Amino acid sequence: MGIIVWLIVGLLAGFIARALVPGRDSMGVGGTLLLGLVGSLIGGFLGNLLFQGNLNIEAAGIIGSIIGAVIALVVYRSTGTRRI
């Protein structure tokens, strides 16, 4: 049951992050899911770093996942190649 919840939270966080960051994305459902899962790990890392002072990488809640997914999406867009 934990994996299913992780996937749902990841998909939701990726979708919200894509809605918050302006611009076009060429990623589908799988890319959105991966964005949310990576965002959850980034959000968990930042949450542990800010509030507990250790460097553990854990999954975050929905708010941390959205924040992490926004960060991951901004970094992805800034390092991606642009097509003309």
N, C-alpha and C. Protein backbone atom coordinates (compact mmCIF):
# COMPACT_ATOMS: atom_id res chain seq x y z
N MET A 1 0.82 -1.19 0.00
CA MET A 1 0.00 0.00 0.00
C MET A 1 0.86 1.25 0.00
N GLY A 2 2.04 1.20 0.60
CA GLY A 2 2.91 2.36 0.67
C GLY A 2 3.39 2.82 -0.69
N ILE A 3 3.68 1.89 -1.58
CA ILE A 3 4.17 2.24 -2.91
C ILE A 3 3.07 2.92 -3.72
N ILE A 4 1.86 2.46 -3.57
CA ILE A 4 0.74 3.05 -4.30
C ILE A 4 0.52 4.49 -3.83
N VAL A 5 0.59 4.72 -2.53
CA VAL A 5 0.44 6.08 -2.00
C VAL A 5 1.58 6.96 -2.50
N TRP A 6 2.80 6.43 -2.52
CA TRP A 6 3.96 7.18 -3.02
C TRP A 6 3.74 7.58 -4.48
N LEU A 7 3.22 6.67 -5.28
CA LEU A 7 2.98 6.97 -6.69
C LEU A 7 1.89 8.03 -6.87
N ILE A 8 0.84 7.93 -6.07
CA ILE A 8 -0.25 8.91 -6.16
C ILE A 8 0.24 10.28 -5.73
N VAL A 9 0.97 10.35 -4.62
CA VAL A 9 1.51 11.63 -4.15
C VAL A 9 2.50 12.19 -5.16
N GLY A 10 3.33 11.33 -5.75
CA GLY A 10 4.29 11.77 -6.76
C GLY A 10 3.61 12.33 -7.99
N LEU A 11 2.57 11.66 -8.44
CA LEU A 11 1.82 12.14 -9.61
C LEU A 11 1.13 13.47 -9.31
N LEU A 12 0.54 13.57 -8.14
CA LEU A 12 -0.14 14.81 -7.75
C LEU A 12 0.86 15.96 -7.61
N ALA A 13 1.99 15.69 -6.97
CA ALA A 13 3.01 16.74 -6.78
C ALA A 13 3.59 17.18 -8.12
N GLY A 14 3.85 16.24 -9.02
CA GLY A 14 4.36 16.58 -10.34
C GLY A 14 3.37 17.40 -11.14
N PHE A 15 2.11 17.04 -11.05
CA PHE A 15 1.07 17.79 -11.77
C PHE A 15 0.95 19.21 -11.24
N ILE A 16 0.96 19.37 -9.92
CA ILE A 16 0.84 20.71 -9.33
C ILE A 16 2.08 21.54 -9.65
N ALA A 17 3.26 20.92 -9.62
CA ALA A 17 4.50 21.65 -9.94
C ALA A 17 4.48 22.12 -11.39
N ARG A 18 4.00 21.28 -12.30
CA ARG A 18 3.91 21.68 -13.70
C ARG A 18 2.91 22.81 -13.88
N ALA A 19 1.86 22.85 -13.06
CA ALA A 19 0.88 23.92 -13.13
C ALA A 19 1.42 25.23 -12.54
N LEU A 20 2.29 25.12 -11.54
CA LEU A 20 2.83 26.32 -10.88
C LEU A 20 3.94 26.99 -11.68
N VAL A 21 4.75 26.19 -12.37
CA VAL A 21 5.89 26.74 -13.12
C VAL A 21 5.42 27.01 -14.55
N PRO A 22 5.46 28.26 -14.98
CA PRO A 22 4.96 28.57 -16.32
C PRO A 22 5.87 28.01 -17.42
N GLY A 23 5.27 27.74 -18.56
CA GLY A 23 6.01 27.23 -19.70
C GLY A 23 5.46 25.90 -20.15
N ARG A 24 5.92 25.48 -21.32
CA ARG A 24 5.45 24.22 -21.90
C ARG A 24 6.36 23.08 -21.50
N ASP A 25 5.77 21.94 -21.28
CA ASP A 25 6.50 20.72 -20.98
C ASP A 25 6.12 19.65 -21.99
N SER A 26 7.09 18.88 -22.37
CA SER A 26 6.82 17.80 -23.32
C SER A 26 6.77 16.45 -22.62
N MET A 27 6.61 16.45 -21.30
CA MET A 27 6.58 15.18 -20.57
C MET A 27 5.14 14.70 -20.41
N GLY A 28 5.00 13.41 -20.42
CA GLY A 28 3.69 12.81 -20.27
C GLY A 28 3.42 12.44 -18.82
N VAL A 29 2.57 11.45 -18.64
CA VAL A 29 2.20 11.02 -17.29
C VAL A 29 3.41 10.41 -16.57
N GLY A 30 4.19 9.63 -17.28
CA GLY A 30 5.38 9.02 -16.67
C GLY A 30 6.40 10.06 -16.24
N GLY A 31 6.61 11.07 -17.06
CA GLY A 31 7.53 12.14 -16.70
C GLY A 31 7.02 12.95 -15.52
N THR A 32 5.71 13.18 -15.48
CA THR A 32 5.11 13.90 -14.36
C THR A 32 5.25 13.10 -13.07
N LEU A 33 5.05 11.79 -13.17
CA LEU A 33 5.21 10.91 -12.01
C LEU A 33 6.65 10.92 -11.52
N LEU A 34 7.59 10.81 -12.44
CA LEU A 34 9.01 10.83 -12.08
C LEU A 34 9.39 12.18 -11.47
N LEU A 35 8.86 13.26 -12.01
CA LEU A 35 9.12 14.59 -11.46
C LEU A 35 8.62 14.68 -10.02
N GLY A 36 7.45 14.16 -9.75
CA GLY A 36 6.91 14.19 -8.39
C GLY A 36 7.70 13.32 -7.43
N LEU A 37 8.16 12.15 -7.88
CA LEU A 37 8.96 11.28 -7.02
C LEU A 37 10.31 11.89 -6.71
N VAL A 38 10.95 12.47 -7.71
CA VAL A 38 12.22 13.17 -7.48
C VAL A 38 11.99 14.37 -6.57
N GLY A 39 10.89 15.07 -6.78
CA GLY A 39 10.55 16.20 -5.93
C GLY A 39 10.33 15.79 -4.49
N SER A 40 9.76 14.62 -4.28
CA SER A 40 9.56 14.13 -2.92
C SER A 40 10.88 13.86 -2.23
N LEU A 41 11.83 13.31 -2.96
CA LEU A 41 13.15 13.07 -2.37
C LEU A 41 13.88 14.38 -2.09
N ILE A 42 13.79 15.34 -3.01
CA ILE A 42 14.41 16.65 -2.80
C ILE A 42 13.75 17.35 -1.61
N GLY A 43 12.43 17.32 -1.55
CA GLY A 43 11.71 17.94 -0.44
C GLY A 43 12.04 17.30 0.90
N GLY A 44 12.16 15.97 0.92
CA GLY A 44 12.54 15.27 2.15
C GLY A 44 13.95 15.61 2.59
N PHE A 45 14.86 15.70 1.63
CA PHE A 45 16.25 16.07 1.93
C PHE A 45 16.31 17.48 2.51
N LEU A 46 15.63 18.43 1.86
CA LEU A 46 15.65 19.81 2.34
C LEU A 46 14.95 19.95 3.69
N GLY A 47 13.86 19.21 3.89
CA GLY A 47 13.17 19.25 5.18
C GLY A 47 14.04 18.72 6.31
N ASN A 48 14.73 17.62 6.07
CA ASN A 48 15.62 17.09 7.09
C ASN A 48 16.80 18.01 7.33
N LEU A 49 17.31 18.59 6.28
CA LEU A 49 18.45 19.50 6.41
C LEU A 49 18.07 20.76 7.20
N LEU A 50 16.89 21.30 6.94
CA LEU A 50 16.48 22.54 7.60
C LEU A 50 15.99 22.32 9.03
N PHE A 51 15.28 21.24 9.28
CA PHE A 51 14.62 21.08 10.57
C PHE A 51 15.30 20.12 11.53
N GLN A 52 16.12 19.19 11.05
CA GLN A 52 16.76 18.25 11.94
C GLN A 52 18.27 18.31 11.88
N GLY A 53 18.81 18.91 10.86
CA GLY A 53 20.25 19.09 10.78
C GLY A 53 21.03 17.89 10.28
N ASN A 54 20.39 16.82 9.84
CA ASN A 54 21.14 15.69 9.30
C ASN A 54 20.92 15.60 7.79
N LEU A 55 21.69 14.76 7.15
CA LEU A 55 21.67 14.69 5.69
C LEU A 55 20.98 13.43 5.18
N ASN A 56 19.93 12.99 5.85
CA ASN A 56 19.18 11.82 5.38
C ASN A 56 18.32 12.19 4.19
N ILE A 57 18.16 11.25 3.29
CA ILE A 57 17.26 11.44 2.15
C ILE A 57 16.04 10.56 2.38
N GLU A 58 14.90 11.19 2.59
CA GLU A 58 13.65 10.48 2.84
C GLU A 58 12.55 11.10 1.99
N ALA A 59 11.46 10.40 1.89
CA ALA A 59 10.30 10.94 1.17
C ALA A 59 9.65 12.03 2.01
N ALA A 60 9.13 13.04 1.35
CA ALA A 60 8.46 14.14 2.03
C ALA A 60 6.95 13.97 1.91
N GLY A 61 6.23 14.81 2.61
CA GLY A 61 4.79 14.87 2.48
C GLY A 61 4.42 15.60 1.19
N ILE A 62 3.16 15.89 1.05
CA ILE A 62 2.69 16.49 -0.20
C ILE A 62 3.25 17.89 -0.41
N ILE A 63 3.33 18.70 0.64
CA ILE A 63 3.85 20.07 0.50
C ILE A 63 5.33 20.03 0.15
N GLY A 64 6.09 19.22 0.86
CA GLY A 64 7.52 19.08 0.55
C GLY A 64 7.75 18.51 -0.83
N SER A 65 6.88 17.60 -1.25
CA SER A 65 7.00 17.02 -2.59
C SER A 65 6.75 18.06 -3.68
N ILE A 66 5.77 18.92 -3.45
CA ILE A 66 5.48 19.97 -4.44
C ILE A 66 6.64 20.95 -4.52
N ILE A 67 7.16 21.36 -3.36
CA ILE A 67 8.29 22.29 -3.35
C ILE A 67 9.50 21.66 -4.04
N GLY A 68 9.78 20.41 -3.72
CA GLY A 68 10.90 19.72 -4.36
C GLY A 68 10.69 19.53 -5.85
N ALA A 69 9.46 19.26 -6.27
CA ALA A 69 9.18 19.08 -7.70
C ALA A 69 9.32 20.40 -8.45
N VAL A 70 8.92 21.50 -7.83
CA VAL A 70 9.11 22.82 -8.46
C VAL A 70 10.60 23.08 -8.63
N ILE A 71 11.39 22.80 -7.60
CA ILE A 71 12.84 22.99 -7.69
C ILE A 71 13.42 22.11 -8.80
N ALA A 72 13.01 20.84 -8.85
CA ALA A 72 13.52 19.93 -9.87
C ALA A 72 13.12 20.38 -11.27
N LEU A 73 11.91 20.88 -11.43
CA LEU A 73 11.44 21.33 -12.74
C LEU A 73 12.19 22.58 -13.20
N VAL A 74 12.44 23.49 -12.28
CA VAL A 74 13.20 24.70 -12.64
C VAL A 74 14.62 24.34 -13.04
N VAL A 75 15.25 23.43 -12.30
CA VAL A 75 16.61 23.00 -12.63
C VAL A 75 16.61 22.26 -13.97
N TYR A 76 15.62 21.41 -14.20
CA TYR A 76 15.52 20.67 -15.45
C TYR A 76 15.39 21.62 -16.64
N ARG A 77 14.54 22.62 -16.49
CA ARG A 77 14.35 23.57 -17.58
C ARG A 77 15.57 24.44 -17.82
N SER A 78 16.29 24.77 -16.77
CA SER A 78 17.47 25.64 -16.95
C SER A 78 18.64 24.89 -17.55
N THR A 79 18.70 23.58 -17.42
CA THR A 79 19.81 22.82 -17.98
C THR A 79 19.45 22.16 -19.30
N GLY A 80 18.17 22.14 -19.66
CA GLY A 80 17.73 21.50 -20.90
C GLY A 80 18.12 22.30 -22.13
N THR A 81 18.20 21.61 -23.24
CA THR A 81 18.52 22.29 -24.50
C THR A 81 17.24 22.86 -25.09
N ARG A 82 17.35 23.96 -25.72
CA ARG A 82 16.21 24.62 -26.36
C ARG A 82 16.19 24.30 -27.84
N ARG A 83 15.02 23.98 -28.36
CA ARG A 83 14.87 23.74 -29.80
C ARG A 83 14.42 25.01 -30.47
N ILE A 84 14.92 25.21 -31.65
CA ILE A 84 14.53 26.41 -32.41
C ILE A 84 13.52 26.04 -33.46
